[in-house]
C-alpha cells in the first residue's frame, strides 16, 4: 500500500479568527565581545519560528477541521494583512491545538500554534516584495552564489 500525500497547502483564511495573530521575526547573529564590553555583531542567517492565533468554537466545523489539519500534518497557509496593504503569507504545519472550556456554558476558545516553514510577502497589487520564499526571520543575507 502506498500513501499519497497531497502537497497542496490548505488556506486558513476562510476560518473566523477572533484572537490576535502574533509572530516574531528573528535573525541568527554571531556576537563577539572584547574585554572592554565592545561587541562586534554579525548577522549570519535567519531563524524560523511559530505564529499563534485562535478563534472560538461555534456550531460550525472549524474546530474539527483544525484538529484534522493538526493530526494529519496537513500543510496550511495563513495570510496576514498589514495597514499599508502588504500581505505576509505564512506556510507551515499546525503543531499545537489547544482548547479552553470555560465553566457556565461559556464559549469554547481554541488556540493554534503554526510552525512556519517559510513566508512570502506581497504588496497591495500582488507583486512580490520578498525574494521568493524566505524564512520567518527575513532574508538570510549573503547567499552562496555559484558560477556555472
N, C-alpha and C. Protein backbone atom coordinates (compact mmCIF):
# COMPACT_ATOMS: atom_id res chain seq x y z
N UNK A 1 0.85 -1.17 0.00
CA UNK A 1 0.00 0.00 0.00
C UNK A 1 0.89 1.22 0.00
N UNK A 2 0.56 2.16 -0.87
CA UNK A 2 1.30 3.42 -0.96
C UNK A 2 0.37 4.55 -0.55
N UNK A 3 0.79 5.34 0.42
CA UNK A 3 0.02 6.51 0.83
C UNK A 3 0.53 7.72 0.08
N UNK A 4 -0.37 8.41 -0.58
CA UNK A 4 -0.02 9.65 -1.27
C UNK A 4 -0.50 10.82 -0.43
N UNK A 5 0.37 11.79 -0.26
CA UNK A 5 0.02 12.98 0.50
C UNK A 5 -0.05 14.14 -0.48
N UNK A 6 -1.16 14.83 -0.47
CA UNK A 6 -1.36 15.97 -1.35
C UNK A 6 -0.42 17.10 -0.93
N UNK A 7 0.45 17.58 -1.85
CA UNK A 7 1.40 18.63 -1.47
C UNK A 7 0.79 20.03 -1.41
N UNK A 8 -0.47 20.17 -1.79
CA UNK A 8 -1.10 21.48 -1.80
C UNK A 8 -1.38 21.94 -0.37
N UNK A 9 -1.19 23.21 -0.15
CA UNK A 9 -1.48 23.79 1.17
C UNK A 9 -2.94 24.20 1.25
N UNK A 10 -3.51 24.05 2.42
CA UNK A 10 -4.89 24.42 2.67
C UNK A 10 -4.90 25.84 3.26
N UNK A 11 -5.78 26.68 2.75
CA UNK A 11 -5.89 28.05 3.25
C UNK A 11 -6.67 28.08 4.56
N UNK A 12 -6.15 28.81 5.53
CA UNK A 12 -6.86 29.04 6.79
C UNK A 12 -7.60 30.37 6.77
N UNK A 13 -7.55 31.07 5.64
CA UNK A 13 -8.12 32.41 5.56
C UNK A 13 -9.64 32.44 5.66
N UNK A 14 -10.30 31.34 5.35
CA UNK A 14 -11.76 31.32 5.38
C UNK A 14 -12.32 31.08 6.79
N UNK A 15 -11.46 30.69 7.73
CA UNK A 15 -11.92 30.42 9.09
C UNK A 15 -11.95 31.73 9.88
N UNK A 16 -12.95 31.87 10.73
CA UNK A 16 -13.07 33.07 11.55
C UNK A 16 -12.08 33.05 12.70
N UNK A 17 -11.10 33.93 12.64
CA UNK A 17 -10.12 34.05 13.72
C UNK A 17 -10.51 35.23 14.59
N UNK A 18 -10.63 35.00 15.88
CA UNK A 18 -11.08 36.07 16.78
C UNK A 18 -9.97 36.53 17.71
N UNK A 19 -8.83 35.89 17.67
CA UNK A 19 -7.71 36.29 18.51
C UNK A 19 -6.60 36.86 17.65
N UNK A 20 -5.75 37.65 18.24
CA UNK A 20 -4.65 38.27 17.52
C UNK A 20 -3.72 37.22 16.93
N UNK A 21 -3.15 37.54 15.79
CA UNK A 21 -2.11 36.73 15.19
C UNK A 21 -0.78 37.32 15.65
N UNK A 22 0.04 36.52 16.31
CA UNK A 22 1.30 37.05 16.82
C UNK A 22 2.47 36.23 16.28
N UNK A 23 3.53 36.95 15.91
CA UNK A 23 4.73 36.31 15.39
C UNK A 23 5.92 37.22 15.63
N UNK A 24 7.12 36.66 15.53
CA UNK A 24 8.35 37.40 15.73
C UNK A 24 9.31 37.10 14.60
N UNK A 25 9.86 38.16 13.99
CA UNK A 25 10.93 38.00 13.02
C UNK A 25 12.24 37.96 13.80
N UNK A 26 13.04 36.92 13.58
CA UNK A 26 14.25 36.77 14.38
C UNK A 26 15.39 36.29 13.50
N UNK A 27 16.53 36.94 13.63
CA UNK A 27 17.72 36.55 12.89
C UNK A 27 18.66 35.73 13.74
N UNK A 28 19.69 35.19 13.09
CA UNK A 28 20.77 34.49 13.79
C UNK A 28 21.99 35.40 13.73
N UNK A 29 22.59 35.61 14.88
CA UNK A 29 23.70 36.56 14.97
C UNK A 29 24.90 35.92 15.66
N UNK A 30 26.07 36.36 15.25
CA UNK A 30 27.30 35.99 15.92
C UNK A 30 27.77 37.24 16.65
N UNK A 31 27.92 37.14 17.96
CA UNK A 31 28.30 38.29 18.78
C UNK A 31 29.63 37.97 19.47
N UNK A 32 30.62 38.82 19.22
CA UNK A 32 31.93 38.67 19.84
C UNK A 32 32.19 39.94 20.64
N UNK A 33 32.40 39.78 21.95
CA UNK A 33 32.69 40.92 22.82
C UNK A 33 34.15 40.91 23.22
N UNK A 34 34.75 42.10 23.20
CA UNK A 34 36.12 42.19 23.71
C UNK A 34 36.08 42.38 25.22
N UNK A 35 37.22 42.45 25.85
CA UNK A 35 37.27 42.52 27.31
C UNK A 35 36.75 43.83 27.86
N UNK A 36 36.56 44.85 27.00
CA UNK A 36 36.03 46.13 27.45
C UNK A 36 34.51 46.23 27.26
N UNK A 37 33.89 45.17 26.72
CA UNK A 37 32.45 45.15 26.55
C UNK A 37 31.97 45.60 25.18
N UNK A 38 32.90 46.00 24.30
CA UNK A 38 32.51 46.39 22.95
C UNK A 38 32.18 45.12 22.16
N UNK A 39 31.05 45.15 21.47
CA UNK A 39 30.59 43.95 20.76
C UNK A 39 30.67 44.14 19.25
N UNK A 40 31.11 43.10 18.60
CA UNK A 40 31.07 43.03 17.14
C UNK A 40 29.92 42.08 16.80
N UNK A 41 28.89 42.58 16.12
CA UNK A 41 27.69 41.80 15.86
C UNK A 41 27.57 41.58 14.36
N UNK A 42 27.45 40.30 13.95
CA UNK A 42 27.29 39.97 12.53
C UNK A 42 26.06 39.09 12.36
N UNK A 43 25.27 39.43 11.37
CA UNK A 43 24.12 38.58 11.05
C UNK A 43 24.64 37.42 10.22
N UNK A 44 24.33 36.19 10.65
CA UNK A 44 24.80 35.02 9.94
C UNK A 44 23.66 34.20 9.35
N UNK A 45 22.44 34.66 9.50
CA UNK A 45 21.32 33.92 8.93
C UNK A 45 19.99 34.38 9.50
N UNK A 46 18.96 33.61 9.22
CA UNK A 46 17.62 33.89 9.70
C UNK A 46 17.06 32.67 10.39
N UNK A 47 16.18 32.91 11.34
CA UNK A 47 15.54 31.82 12.07
C UNK A 47 14.12 31.63 11.57
N UNK A 48 13.63 30.43 11.75
CA UNK A 48 12.23 30.15 11.51
C UNK A 48 11.45 30.54 12.75
N UNK A 49 10.36 29.90 12.99
CA UNK A 49 9.61 30.22 14.19
C UNK A 49 8.18 29.74 14.11
N UNK A 50 7.37 30.30 14.97
CA UNK A 50 5.96 29.94 15.04
C UNK A 50 5.12 31.19 15.07
N UNK A 51 3.86 31.03 14.71
CA UNK A 51 2.88 32.10 14.90
C UNK A 51 1.74 31.52 15.72
N UNK A 52 1.11 32.37 16.49
CA UNK A 52 -0.01 31.95 17.31
C UNK A 52 -1.26 32.72 16.95
N UNK A 53 -2.38 32.04 16.97
CA UNK A 53 -3.67 32.66 16.70
C UNK A 53 -4.76 31.75 17.24
N UNK A 54 -5.99 32.18 17.16
CA UNK A 54 -7.06 31.35 17.67
C UNK A 54 -8.42 31.87 17.29
N UNK A 55 -9.41 31.18 17.77
CA UNK A 55 -10.80 31.53 17.48
C UNK A 55 -11.71 30.93 18.53
N UNK A 56 -12.98 30.96 18.23
CA UNK A 56 -13.96 30.37 19.13
C UNK A 56 -14.63 29.20 18.43
N UNK A 57 -15.06 28.24 19.24
CA UNK A 57 -15.70 27.04 18.71
C UNK A 57 -17.20 27.26 18.69
N UNK A 58 -17.67 27.76 17.55
CA UNK A 58 -19.11 27.94 17.37
C UNK A 58 -19.69 26.65 16.83
N UNK A 59 -20.88 26.68 16.34
CA UNK A 59 -21.52 25.47 15.87
C UNK A 59 -21.10 25.08 14.45
N UNK A 60 -20.02 25.69 13.94
CA UNK A 60 -19.53 25.28 12.63
C UNK A 60 -18.50 24.16 12.81
N UNK A 61 -17.78 23.84 11.78
CA UNK A 61 -16.85 22.72 11.84
C UNK A 61 -15.40 23.17 11.95
N UNK A 62 -15.15 24.40 12.37
CA UNK A 62 -13.78 24.92 12.43
C UNK A 62 -12.89 24.09 13.34
N UNK A 63 -13.36 23.77 14.54
CA UNK A 63 -12.54 23.01 15.47
C UNK A 63 -12.19 21.64 14.90
N UNK A 64 -13.18 20.99 14.28
CA UNK A 64 -12.92 19.67 13.70
C UNK A 64 -11.91 19.76 12.56
N UNK A 65 -12.03 20.80 11.74
CA UNK A 65 -11.09 20.98 10.63
C UNK A 65 -9.69 21.25 11.15
N UNK A 66 -9.56 22.15 12.14
CA UNK A 66 -8.24 22.43 12.71
C UNK A 66 -7.64 21.17 13.31
N UNK A 67 -8.47 20.36 13.97
CA UNK A 67 -7.98 19.11 14.55
C UNK A 67 -7.50 18.16 13.45
N UNK A 68 -8.23 18.07 12.35
CA UNK A 68 -7.80 17.24 11.22
C UNK A 68 -6.46 17.73 10.67
N UNK A 69 -6.35 19.05 10.47
CA UNK A 69 -5.11 19.61 9.94
C UNK A 69 -3.94 19.30 10.87
N UNK A 70 -4.16 19.40 12.19
CA UNK A 70 -3.09 19.14 13.15
C UNK A 70 -2.74 17.66 13.19
N UNK A 71 -3.72 16.80 13.28
CA UNK A 71 -3.46 15.37 13.46
C UNK A 71 -2.88 14.72 12.20
N UNK A 72 -3.21 15.24 11.03
CA UNK A 72 -2.72 14.66 9.78
C UNK A 72 -1.53 15.43 9.21
N UNK A 73 -1.03 16.43 9.93
CA UNK A 73 0.11 17.24 9.49
C UNK A 73 -0.13 17.80 8.08
N UNK A 74 -1.30 18.40 7.90
CA UNK A 74 -1.67 18.98 6.61
C UNK A 74 -0.96 20.32 6.43
N UNK A 75 -0.25 20.51 5.30
CA UNK A 75 0.37 21.82 5.06
C UNK A 75 -0.72 22.89 4.90
N UNK A 76 -0.55 24.00 5.60
CA UNK A 76 -1.53 25.08 5.58
C UNK A 76 -0.83 26.41 5.35
N UNK A 77 -1.62 27.43 5.03
CA UNK A 77 -1.08 28.79 4.98
C UNK A 77 -2.11 29.77 5.51
N UNK A 78 -1.61 30.91 5.98
CA UNK A 78 -2.44 31.95 6.55
C UNK A 78 -1.92 33.29 6.06
N UNK A 79 -2.81 34.15 5.57
CA UNK A 79 -2.45 35.49 5.13
C UNK A 79 -2.72 36.50 6.23
N UNK A 80 -1.76 37.40 6.44
CA UNK A 80 -1.91 38.49 7.40
C UNK A 80 -1.76 39.79 6.62
N UNK A 81 -2.78 40.64 6.70
CA UNK A 81 -2.77 41.93 6.00
C UNK A 81 -2.22 43.01 6.93
N UNK A 82 -1.39 43.87 6.37
CA UNK A 82 -0.80 44.97 7.12
C UNK A 82 -1.54 46.26 6.79
N UNK A 83 -1.36 47.29 7.58
CA UNK A 83 -2.06 48.56 7.41
C UNK A 83 -1.83 49.19 6.04
N UNK A 84 -0.64 49.03 5.48
CA UNK A 84 -0.33 49.67 4.20
C UNK A 84 -0.79 48.82 3.00
N UNK A 85 -1.45 47.71 3.24
CA UNK A 85 -1.95 46.87 2.17
C UNK A 85 -1.06 45.69 1.83
N UNK A 86 0.14 45.64 2.39
CA UNK A 86 1.03 44.50 2.17
C UNK A 86 0.45 43.26 2.84
N UNK A 87 0.80 42.10 2.29
CA UNK A 87 0.31 40.82 2.82
C UNK A 87 1.50 39.91 3.06
N UNK A 88 1.53 39.28 4.22
CA UNK A 88 2.51 38.25 4.53
C UNK A 88 1.78 36.93 4.58
N UNK A 89 2.25 35.97 3.79
CA UNK A 89 1.64 34.64 3.77
C UNK A 89 2.58 33.67 4.48
N UNK A 90 2.06 33.03 5.53
CA UNK A 90 2.81 32.10 6.35
C UNK A 90 2.46 30.67 5.93
N UNK A 91 3.46 29.87 5.60
CA UNK A 91 3.26 28.46 5.26
C UNK A 91 3.80 27.61 6.41
N UNK A 92 3.14 26.51 6.70
CA UNK A 92 3.65 25.62 7.73
C UNK A 92 2.66 24.55 8.13
N UNK A 93 2.88 24.02 9.32
CA UNK A 93 2.04 22.96 9.87
C UNK A 93 1.54 23.38 11.25
N UNK A 94 0.32 23.00 11.55
CA UNK A 94 -0.23 23.24 12.89
C UNK A 94 0.35 22.17 13.80
N UNK A 95 1.17 22.59 14.76
CA UNK A 95 1.73 21.58 15.66
C UNK A 95 1.07 21.58 17.03
N UNK A 96 0.36 22.64 17.37
CA UNK A 96 -0.34 22.67 18.66
C UNK A 96 -1.74 23.22 18.46
N UNK A 97 -2.71 22.50 19.01
CA UNK A 97 -4.10 22.95 19.01
C UNK A 97 -4.61 22.73 20.43
N UNK A 98 -4.92 23.82 21.10
CA UNK A 98 -5.42 23.69 22.47
C UNK A 98 -6.83 24.26 22.55
N UNK A 99 -7.61 23.70 23.46
CA UNK A 99 -8.99 24.13 23.66
C UNK A 99 -9.16 24.61 25.10
N UNK A 100 -9.93 25.65 25.27
CA UNK A 100 -10.24 26.16 26.60
C UNK A 100 -11.75 26.10 26.78
N UNK A 101 -12.17 25.26 27.74
CA UNK A 101 -13.59 25.07 28.01
C UNK A 101 -13.95 25.80 29.30
N UNK A 102 -14.56 26.98 29.21
CA UNK A 102 -14.91 27.72 30.42
C UNK A 102 -16.13 27.10 31.10
N UNK A 103 -16.28 27.40 32.37
CA UNK A 103 -17.44 26.92 33.10
C UNK A 103 -18.64 27.80 32.79
N UNK A 104 -19.80 27.34 33.14
CA UNK A 104 -21.01 28.13 32.97
C UNK A 104 -21.44 28.30 31.53
N UNK A 105 -21.18 27.31 30.70
CA UNK A 105 -21.59 27.32 29.29
C UNK A 105 -21.03 28.50 28.52
N UNK A 106 -19.82 28.94 28.88
CA UNK A 106 -19.15 29.99 28.12
C UNK A 106 -18.71 29.47 26.76
N UNK A 107 -18.28 30.35 25.92
CA UNK A 107 -17.87 29.97 24.57
C UNK A 107 -16.48 29.34 24.62
N UNK A 108 -16.35 28.18 24.01
CA UNK A 108 -15.09 27.46 23.96
C UNK A 108 -14.15 28.17 23.00
N UNK A 109 -12.92 28.39 23.43
CA UNK A 109 -11.94 29.01 22.53
C UNK A 109 -10.87 27.99 22.16
N UNK A 110 -10.31 28.18 20.97
CA UNK A 110 -9.23 27.32 20.51
C UNK A 110 -8.02 28.20 20.22
N UNK A 111 -6.85 27.69 20.58
CA UNK A 111 -5.59 28.38 20.35
C UNK A 111 -4.72 27.49 19.48
N UNK A 112 -4.10 28.09 18.48
CA UNK A 112 -3.34 27.34 17.49
C UNK A 112 -1.94 27.88 17.41
N UNK A 113 -0.96 26.98 17.32
CA UNK A 113 0.42 27.35 17.05
C UNK A 113 0.80 26.72 15.72
N UNK A 114 1.20 27.58 14.79
CA UNK A 114 1.59 27.15 13.45
C UNK A 114 3.10 27.26 13.35
N UNK A 115 3.78 26.14 13.13
CA UNK A 115 5.22 26.17 12.90
C UNK A 115 5.45 26.57 11.46
N UNK A 116 6.17 27.65 11.26
CA UNK A 116 6.33 28.25 9.94
C UNK A 116 7.52 27.64 9.22
N UNK A 117 7.27 27.13 8.02
CA UNK A 117 8.37 26.62 7.19
C UNK A 117 8.98 27.74 6.37
N UNK A 118 8.15 28.65 5.86
CA UNK A 118 8.63 29.78 5.08
C UNK A 118 7.49 30.78 4.93
N UNK A 119 7.84 31.99 4.49
CA UNK A 119 6.85 33.02 4.23
C UNK A 119 7.10 33.61 2.85
N UNK A 120 6.12 34.35 2.38
CA UNK A 120 6.27 35.12 1.15
C UNK A 120 5.52 36.43 1.38
N UNK A 121 6.04 37.51 0.84
CA UNK A 121 5.45 38.83 1.07
C UNK A 121 5.02 39.45 -0.25
N UNK A 122 3.80 40.02 -0.26
CA UNK A 122 3.21 40.67 -1.42
C UNK A 122 2.89 42.11 -1.07
N UNK A 123 2.87 42.99 -2.08
CA UNK A 123 2.33 44.33 -1.84
C UNK A 123 0.85 44.32 -2.18
N UNK A 124 0.19 45.45 -2.06
CA UNK A 124 -1.26 45.51 -2.24
C UNK A 124 -1.71 45.15 -3.65
N UNK A 125 -0.82 45.28 -4.64
CA UNK A 125 -1.20 44.94 -6.02
C UNK A 125 -0.87 43.49 -6.37
N UNK A 126 -0.30 42.74 -5.42
CA UNK A 126 0.00 41.33 -5.65
C UNK A 126 1.42 41.06 -6.12
N UNK A 127 2.24 42.09 -6.24
CA UNK A 127 3.63 41.90 -6.65
C UNK A 127 4.46 41.42 -5.45
N UNK A 128 5.44 40.58 -5.75
CA UNK A 128 6.28 40.05 -4.68
C UNK A 128 7.17 41.13 -4.08
N UNK A 129 7.22 41.18 -2.76
CA UNK A 129 8.15 42.05 -2.06
C UNK A 129 9.39 41.29 -1.63
N UNK A 130 9.23 40.01 -1.31
CA UNK A 130 10.35 39.19 -0.87
C UNK A 130 11.01 38.54 -2.08
N UNK A 131 12.21 38.08 -1.87
CA UNK A 131 12.95 37.38 -2.93
C UNK A 131 12.51 35.92 -2.92
N UNK A 132 11.28 35.67 -3.34
CA UNK A 132 10.72 34.32 -3.31
C UNK A 132 10.38 33.93 -1.89
N UNK A 133 10.49 32.63 -1.59
CA UNK A 133 10.21 32.14 -0.24
C UNK A 133 11.39 32.47 0.67
N UNK A 134 11.09 32.99 1.85
CA UNK A 134 12.14 33.33 2.81
C UNK A 134 11.75 32.78 4.18
N UNK A 135 12.69 32.79 5.10
CA UNK A 135 12.43 32.34 6.47
C UNK A 135 11.61 33.39 7.19
N UNK A 136 10.99 33.00 8.28
CA UNK A 136 10.21 33.93 9.08
C UNK A 136 11.08 35.08 9.57
N UNK A 137 12.35 34.82 9.82
CA UNK A 137 13.28 35.84 10.28
C UNK A 137 13.71 36.81 9.20
N UNK A 138 13.26 36.62 7.98
CA UNK A 138 13.61 37.52 6.88
C UNK A 138 14.65 36.91 5.97
N UNK A 139 15.16 37.73 5.09
CA UNK A 139 16.17 37.29 4.14
C UNK A 139 17.44 36.92 4.89
N UNK A 140 18.06 35.83 4.49
CA UNK A 140 19.25 35.34 5.19
C UNK A 140 20.47 36.20 4.92
N UNK A 141 20.42 37.08 3.94
CA UNK A 141 21.57 37.93 3.65
C UNK A 141 22.44 37.32 2.59
N UNK A 142 23.73 37.23 2.86
CA UNK A 142 24.69 36.71 1.88
C UNK A 142 24.42 35.25 1.61
N UNK A 143 24.00 34.96 0.37
CA UNK A 143 23.77 33.60 -0.04
C UNK A 143 24.92 33.18 -0.94
N UNK A 144 25.24 31.92 -0.88
CA UNK A 144 26.30 31.42 -1.75
C UNK A 144 25.84 31.50 -3.19
N UNK A 145 26.70 31.99 -4.05
CA UNK A 145 26.39 32.08 -5.46
C UNK A 145 27.41 31.25 -6.22
N UNK A 146 26.92 30.46 -7.14
CA UNK A 146 27.78 29.58 -7.89
C UNK A 146 27.81 30.01 -9.34
N UNK A 147 28.98 30.00 -9.92
CA UNK A 147 29.13 30.35 -11.33
C UNK A 147 29.21 29.07 -12.13
N UNK A 148 28.36 28.94 -13.12
CA UNK A 148 28.36 27.73 -13.94
C UNK A 148 29.28 27.87 -15.11
